[in-house]
Protein backbone atom coordinates (compact mmCIF):
# COMPACT_ATOMS: atom_id res chain seq x y z
CA MET A 1 84.63 115.67 67.74
CA THR A 2 85.55 114.51 71.10
CA ARG A 3 87.07 117.39 73.63
CA TYR A 4 89.04 116.32 76.93
CA ILE A 5 88.19 118.51 79.51
CA VAL A 6 91.29 117.99 81.84
CA ILE A 7 90.62 118.54 86.00
CA GLY A 8 93.49 119.54 87.47
CA ALA A 9 96.81 121.27 85.93
CA GLY A 10 99.53 119.26 88.04
CA ALA A 11 102.37 116.93 86.76
CA VAL A 12 99.82 114.36 85.36
CA GLY A 13 97.48 116.89 84.06
CA ALA A 14 99.87 119.60 82.70
CA THR A 15 101.54 116.95 80.44
CA LEU A 16 98.27 115.32 79.38
CA ALA A 17 97.51 119.19 77.97
CA ALA A 18 100.57 119.65 76.34
CA GLN A 19 100.43 116.47 74.73
CA PHE A 20 96.86 117.20 73.30
CA GLU A 21 98.32 120.83 72.24
CA SER A 22 101.03 119.36 70.27
CA ALA A 23 98.71 116.48 68.89
CA GLY A 24 96.26 118.79 67.61
CA ILE A 25 93.37 117.01 69.75
CA GLY A 26 90.69 119.19 71.21
CA TYR A 27 91.22 119.59 75.07
CA ALA A 28 90.91 122.12 77.79
CA LEU A 29 92.76 122.37 80.95
CA VAL A 30 91.00 123.84 84.15
CA GLY A 31 92.90 124.04 87.83
CA ARG A 32 93.17 126.50 90.28
CA GLY A 33 96.05 128.55 92.39
CA ALA A 34 99.26 129.41 91.46
CA GLN A 35 100.08 127.09 88.78
CA ILE A 36 96.94 127.77 86.48
CA ARG A 37 97.40 131.32 86.98
CA HIS A 38 101.07 130.97 85.67
CA ILE A 39 99.94 128.72 82.76
CA VAL A 40 97.26 131.09 81.65
CA GLU A 41 99.29 134.28 81.84
CA HIS A 42 103.09 132.58 80.81
CA GLY A 43 102.36 129.20 79.63
CA LEU A 44 104.32 125.81 80.73
CA THR A 45 107.52 125.53 80.93
CA TYR A 46 107.57 121.55 79.42
CA GLN A 47 110.52 119.50 79.02
CA ARG A 48 111.01 116.28 77.77
CA PRO A 49 113.97 114.45 76.95
CA SER A 50 113.87 115.89 73.81
CA GLY A 51 114.42 119.39 74.98
CA THR A 52 112.36 121.88 76.91
CA ARG A 53 110.25 124.57 75.73
CA GLN A 54 107.39 127.18 76.53
CA ILE A 55 104.03 126.15 75.28
CA ARG A 56 101.13 127.74 75.45
CA LEU A 57 97.90 125.87 76.44
CA ASN A 58 94.47 126.10 76.20
CA ALA A 59 93.88 126.84 80.42
CA PHE A 60 91.30 128.12 82.54
CA ASP A 61 91.04 128.78 86.04
CA THR A 62 88.14 126.95 87.78
CA ALA A 63 86.84 130.29 88.96
CA ALA A 64 85.70 130.72 85.16
CA PRO A 65 85.61 127.51 83.72
CA PRO A 66 84.86 126.56 80.24
CA ALA A 67 81.30 125.50 79.19
CA LEU A 68 80.55 122.20 78.71
CA ALA A 69 79.43 120.43 75.39
CA ALA A 70 77.82 117.01 74.94
CA ASP A 71 80.77 115.25 73.24
CA ASP A 72 83.09 116.08 76.08
CA VAL A 73 85.41 113.80 78.04
CA LEU A 74 86.37 114.45 81.64
CA LEU A 75 89.93 113.67 82.68
CA LEU A 76 90.04 113.83 86.51
CA THR A 77 93.95 114.23 87.25
CA VAL A 78 93.60 115.89 90.96
CA LYS A 79 95.11 113.88 93.72
CA ALA A 80 92.95 111.12 95.49
CA GLN A 81 92.65 113.15 98.53
CA ASP A 82 91.38 116.40 96.26
CA ALA A 83 89.39 114.00 94.32
CA ALA A 84 85.60 114.14 96.45
CA GLU A 85 85.81 117.88 95.59
CA ALA A 86 86.53 118.07 92.17
CA LEU A 87 84.02 115.80 91.10
CA ALA A 88 81.32 117.83 93.95
CA PHE A 89 82.16 120.83 91.42
CA TRP A 90 81.60 119.55 88.38
CA ALA A 91 79.36 116.71 88.37
CA TRP A 92 75.89 118.91 87.89
CA ARG A 93 77.48 121.76 85.81
CA PRO A 94 75.04 122.33 82.71
CA VAL A 95 75.92 120.75 79.50
CA GLY A 96 75.08 122.34 76.63
CA ASP A 97 71.54 123.62 76.34
CA ALA A 98 69.45 120.91 77.52
CA PRO A 99 68.28 121.67 80.80
CA ALA A 100 68.06 118.21 82.40
CA LEU A 101 71.56 117.50 80.88
CA THR A 102 74.80 117.79 83.47
CA ALA A 103 78.79 116.74 83.22
CA SER A 104 77.14 113.43 85.37
CA ARG A 105 76.12 112.05 82.03
CA LEU A 106 79.47 112.47 80.09
CA PRO A 107 82.63 109.81 80.42
CA LEU A 108 84.79 110.26 83.44
CA VAL A 109 88.10 109.26 83.61
CA THR A 110 89.94 108.91 87.00
CA PHE A 111 93.50 108.79 86.72
CA GLN A 112 94.37 108.90 90.49
CA ASN A 113 96.58 106.43 91.98
CA GLY A 114 95.12 104.15 94.72
CA LEU A 115 91.68 102.47 94.87
CA ALA A 116 88.94 105.15 96.23
CA THR A 117 88.49 107.47 93.97
CA GLU A 118 86.37 105.22 90.77
CA THR A 119 83.77 104.29 93.87
CA ILE A 120 83.82 108.37 94.98
CA ALA A 121 82.92 109.04 90.96
CA LEU A 122 80.48 106.26 90.63
CA ARG A 123 78.11 108.05 93.30
CA THR A 124 77.57 111.04 90.94
CA PHE A 125 78.59 109.75 87.55
CA ALA A 126 77.25 107.55 85.46
CA HIS A 127 80.08 106.43 83.09
CA VAL A 128 83.62 106.07 84.96
CA TYR A 129 86.48 104.88 83.26
CA GLY A 130 89.36 103.88 85.37
CA ALA A 131 92.94 104.72 84.17
CA SER A 132 96.12 103.26 85.93
CA LEU A 133 99.03 105.38 85.07
CA LEU A 134 102.79 104.68 84.59
CA THR A 135 105.05 108.37 83.82
CA PRO A 136 108.23 109.48 85.48
CA ALA A 137 107.10 113.10 85.69
CA ARG A 138 108.30 115.84 88.32
CA PHE A 139 106.16 118.99 89.55
CA THR A 140 107.78 120.99 92.31
CA GLU A 141 108.36 124.15 90.54
CA THR A 142 105.50 126.74 89.82
CA GLY A 143 104.78 126.48 85.46
CA ARG A 144 107.21 124.00 84.96
CA ILE A 145 106.93 119.92 84.24
CA ALA A 146 109.68 117.66 83.76
CA VAL A 147 108.72 113.98 82.06
CA ALA A 148 111.21 111.78 81.63
CA GLY A 149 109.58 109.12 79.79
CA ASP A 150 110.96 107.81 76.43
CA PRO A 151 110.32 107.82 73.66
CA GLN A 152 106.66 107.99 74.71
CA VAL A 153 105.20 110.30 77.50
CA GLY A 154 104.17 107.04 79.34
CA VAL A 155 101.90 104.11 80.42
CA VAL A 156 97.96 103.67 80.56
CA THR A 157 95.96 101.15 80.98
CA LEU A 158 91.86 102.36 80.66
CA GLY A 159 88.69 100.31 81.07
CA ARG A 160 85.38 101.06 82.40
CA PHE A 161 84.77 100.96 86.61
CA PRO A 162 83.73 98.40 87.99
CA ARG A 163 84.54 96.31 84.82
CA GLY A 164 84.47 96.07 80.91
CA THR A 165 85.37 98.09 77.88
CA ASP A 166 83.35 99.66 74.99
CA GLU A 167 83.82 101.88 72.20
CA THR A 168 84.22 105.32 74.26
CA ALA A 169 86.84 103.69 76.07
CA GLU A 170 88.96 102.27 72.33
CA ARG A 171 88.46 105.99 71.27
CA ILE A 172 90.07 107.21 74.78
CA VAL A 173 92.62 104.92 74.16
CA GLY A 174 93.34 106.01 70.59
CA ASP A 175 93.28 109.81 71.41
CA LEU A 176 96.40 108.85 74.10
CA ALA A 177 98.36 107.02 71.61
CA ARG A 178 98.15 109.73 68.95
CA ALA A 179 99.63 111.97 71.87
CA ASP A 180 102.48 109.90 72.49
CA TYR A 181 101.15 107.46 75.00
CA ILE A 182 101.47 103.72 75.15
CA ALA A 183 97.70 103.10 75.91
CA GLU A 184 95.00 100.06 75.90
CA THR A 185 92.17 98.80 77.32
CA SER A 186 91.23 96.25 79.84
CA ALA A 187 88.21 94.70 80.75
CA ASP A 188 89.11 94.47 84.42
CA VAL A 189 91.39 97.93 85.29
CA ARG A 190 90.39 97.42 88.96
CA ARG A 191 93.37 94.67 88.62
CA TRP A 192 96.05 97.22 87.10
CA LYS A 193 95.23 99.91 89.53
CA ALA A 194 95.51 97.43 92.71
CA ALA A 195 98.93 96.08 91.12
CA LYS A 196 100.21 99.85 91.16
CA LEU A 197 99.10 100.26 94.44
CA LEU A 198 101.41 97.40 95.20
CA HIS A 199 104.66 100.15 93.73
CA ASN A 200 102.89 103.08 95.25
CA VAL A 201 102.82 101.94 99.07
CA ARG A 202 106.60 102.81 98.93
CA ASN A 203 106.03 106.45 97.73
CA VAL A 204 105.91 107.30 101.29
CA LEU A 205 109.57 106.00 102.10
CA ASP A 206 110.89 109.04 99.78
CA LEU A 207 110.32 111.16 102.76
CA PHE A 208 112.66 109.57 105.10
CA ASP A 209 116.69 109.40 105.51
CA GLY A 210 118.12 106.10 106.92
CA PRO A 211 120.08 103.08 106.01
CA GLU A 212 119.51 101.76 102.85
CA ALA A 213 119.24 98.36 103.98
CA GLU A 214 116.25 99.20 106.53
CA ARG A 215 114.48 101.31 103.61
CA THR A 216 114.92 98.14 101.68
CA ALA A 217 114.03 95.93 104.00
CA PHE A 218 110.67 98.59 105.40
CA GLY A 219 109.53 98.90 101.53
CA ALA A 220 109.53 94.75 101.40
CA ALA A 221 107.38 94.99 104.59
CA LEU A 222 105.30 97.86 102.88
CA VAL A 223 104.60 95.73 99.71
CA GLU A 224 104.14 92.21 101.44
CA GLU A 225 101.09 94.13 103.48
CA ALA A 226 99.80 95.47 100.59
CA LYS A 227 99.36 92.13 98.86
CA THR A 228 97.77 90.21 101.84
CA VAL A 229 95.15 92.86 101.92
CA LEU A 230 94.34 93.23 98.40
CA GLU A 231 94.31 89.30 97.98
CA ALA A 232 91.92 89.16 101.22
CA ALA A 233 89.52 91.83 99.71
CA GLY A 234 89.21 89.74 96.34
CA TYR A 235 91.71 91.81 94.15
CA SER A 236 93.85 89.65 91.47
CA LEU A 237 96.98 91.67 90.87
CA ALA A 238 97.20 92.32 87.15
CA SER A 239 101.00 90.76 85.95
CA PRO A 240 102.88 92.77 83.35
CA SER A 241 103.00 89.68 81.14
CA GLU A 242 99.10 90.67 80.33
CA ARG A 243 100.13 93.49 78.87
CA LYS A 244 98.67 93.70 75.20
CA ILE A 245 101.54 96.35 73.96
CA SER A 246 105.53 95.65 74.64
CA LEU A 247 107.65 98.12 77.07
CA ALA A 248 110.66 96.75 75.98
CA ASN A 249 111.80 100.32 74.64
CA TRP A 250 110.05 102.23 76.98
CA ARG A 251 112.44 103.92 79.47
CA LYS A 252 112.94 106.81 81.96
CA ALA A 253 115.40 108.70 80.29
CA GLU A 254 118.77 109.87 81.99
CA ASN A 255 119.52 113.27 82.41
CA SER A 256 116.19 113.99 82.62
CA GLY A 257 115.62 116.20 85.53
CA ILE A 258 113.92 113.60 87.34
CA GLU A 259 115.88 111.87 90.20
CA GLY A 260 115.01 108.51 91.95
CA GLY A 261 113.70 108.93 95.51
CA GLN A 262 111.39 111.98 94.14
CA GLN A 263 108.14 110.47 93.51
CA SER A 264 104.51 112.13 93.60
CA THR A 265 104.62 111.63 97.21
CA TRP A 266 107.63 113.61 98.21
CA GLN A 267 106.51 116.41 95.55
CA SER A 268 103.50 117.51 97.00
CA PHE A 269 105.26 117.81 100.26
CA VAL A 270 108.22 119.74 98.71
CA ARG A 271 105.59 121.85 97.56
CA GLY A 272 103.73 121.90 100.59
CA ALA A 273 100.43 120.58 99.12
CA SER A 274 98.35 118.19 100.74
CA SER A 275 99.59 114.39 101.29
CA GLU A 276 98.29 111.24 99.39
CA VAL A 277 99.21 108.92 101.84
CA ASP A 278 96.02 108.39 103.05
CA TYR A 279 95.09 107.13 99.64
CA LEU A 280 98.02 104.55 99.21
CA ASN A 281 99.60 103.30 102.61
CA GLY A 282 96.36 104.22 104.38
CA GLU A 283 94.22 102.25 101.43
CA ILE A 284 96.31 99.26 102.91
CA VAL A 285 95.30 100.29 106.41
CA LEU A 286 91.57 100.16 105.39
CA LEU A 287 91.44 97.13 103.93
CA GLY A 288 93.67 95.39 106.81
CA ARG A 289 90.79 96.92 109.31
CA LEU A 290 87.83 95.55 107.31
CA HIS A 291 89.56 92.09 106.86
CA GLY A 292 91.10 91.91 110.42
CA ILE A 293 94.51 92.03 109.14
CA PRO A 294 97.28 93.86 110.88
CA THR A 295 99.34 96.48 108.53
CA PRO A 296 101.80 98.17 111.13
CA HIS A 297 104.42 98.95 108.69
CA ASN A 298 101.53 100.91 106.48
CA GLU A 299 99.74 101.98 109.50
CA ALA A 300 103.24 103.86 110.72
CA ALA A 301 104.12 105.23 107.42
CA GLN A 302 100.58 106.80 107.08
CA ILE A 303 100.70 108.24 111.22
CA ALA A 304 104.59 109.33 110.13
CA ALA A 305 103.48 111.25 107.44
CA GLY A 306 100.08 112.36 108.85
CA LEU A 307 102.20 114.15 111.77
CA ALA A 308 104.83 115.86 109.18
CA THR A 309 101.85 117.38 107.29
CA ARG A 310 101.26 119.38 110.57
CA LYS A 311 104.70 121.16 110.27
CA ALA A 312 105.52 124.31 108.49
CA GLY A 313 107.67 123.10 105.40
CA PHE A 314 109.68 120.65 104.20
CA PRO A 315 113.10 121.42 104.42
CA ALA A 316 114.71 117.96 105.19
CA LEU A 317 114.30 114.47 105.05
CA LEU A 318 112.59 112.96 108.23
CA SER A 319 114.36 110.32 110.47
CA PHE A 320 113.92 106.87 109.43
CA ASP A 321 113.94 106.72 113.02
CA THR A 322 110.32 107.74 113.29
CA LEU A 323 108.89 104.93 111.36
CA ARG A 324 111.02 102.23 113.05
CA SER A 325 110.11 103.06 116.13
CA LEU A 326 106.32 103.34 115.47
CA VAL A 327 106.94 99.97 114.43
CA ASP A 328 108.65 98.94 117.47
CA ASP A 329 106.16 100.55 119.83
CA PRO A 330 102.43 98.01 119.30
CA ALA A 331 100.68 100.05 121.39
CA THR A 332 101.04 103.24 119.38
CA LEU A 333 99.87 101.04 116.66
CA ARG A 334 96.43 99.47 118.72
CA PRO A 335 93.59 101.37 119.54
CA HIS A 336 93.19 101.66 123.38
CA PRO A 337 90.34 99.47 124.76
CA PRO A 338 87.23 101.66 125.71
CA ALA A 339 86.97 102.96 129.53
CA GLY A 340 85.81 100.54 131.94
CA ASP A 341 87.62 97.39 130.12
């Protein structure tokens, strides 16, 4: 019987574990730091539109992770900036009693925003499955997760990376459906992850305070740059009309504790955690540089967020003037020529 090893106890990982627990699906939640210590000792305070409950989870600290078995499936739910470290930790862990069998031969599902994790994972893991996830969730307080998806928790599109689908993908999708997700397979999950990135490049705006009209215009510029470089990089973006399962009855519930303008990037800054901006706007900057396409708005967002990470805490929203000034000063975004040129 399949057991899911959920790597990372943030909003995505803890929610998956809570849903597996409720559905009677085998799992182990593995994390580190204050969040997993709280869950091990006190359980998880888990808020859904139907109510809030304290739920005990099968949780482990990475200092003493569970032994792996040959039918385990790894679900990587850490943020993209933490993925390489987590993959290195798990890849060569032993599986069962077979001396040559390691976790690198087990199926691995990547739940990260952005486009980088799957390629990193494929360097050491033979069976990588990308997952594009939509779920309105909030993690700003240790030991507590709120999820506003209603009636299902979220929407998952999953397929082999770089392409294809198989029985393992179908089995995982079936278990996710049992765990109250809207889930389906795709033979080209890269298209779905690229389309999701068009939405995620605007996450950074949650860090800034400014006139709504200017924020809207800046967000449109972020998306337009992203679309241009993704198409130049060969991505054909998936369309919602391609879904095999209707989302007509799925929504973000009102009075759920999930507010607009408080997406995952903002939540990380509030918690004092590392920033994923380098794997969202930074991905667009990277693709722009590779294909010779300017991306001044995404580069400005990356720089401003990077500077903000150097400050202690996140007591208030940043000034939108910072973004505006970076875009208005091309010299800031253009590398200086080598000395003597």
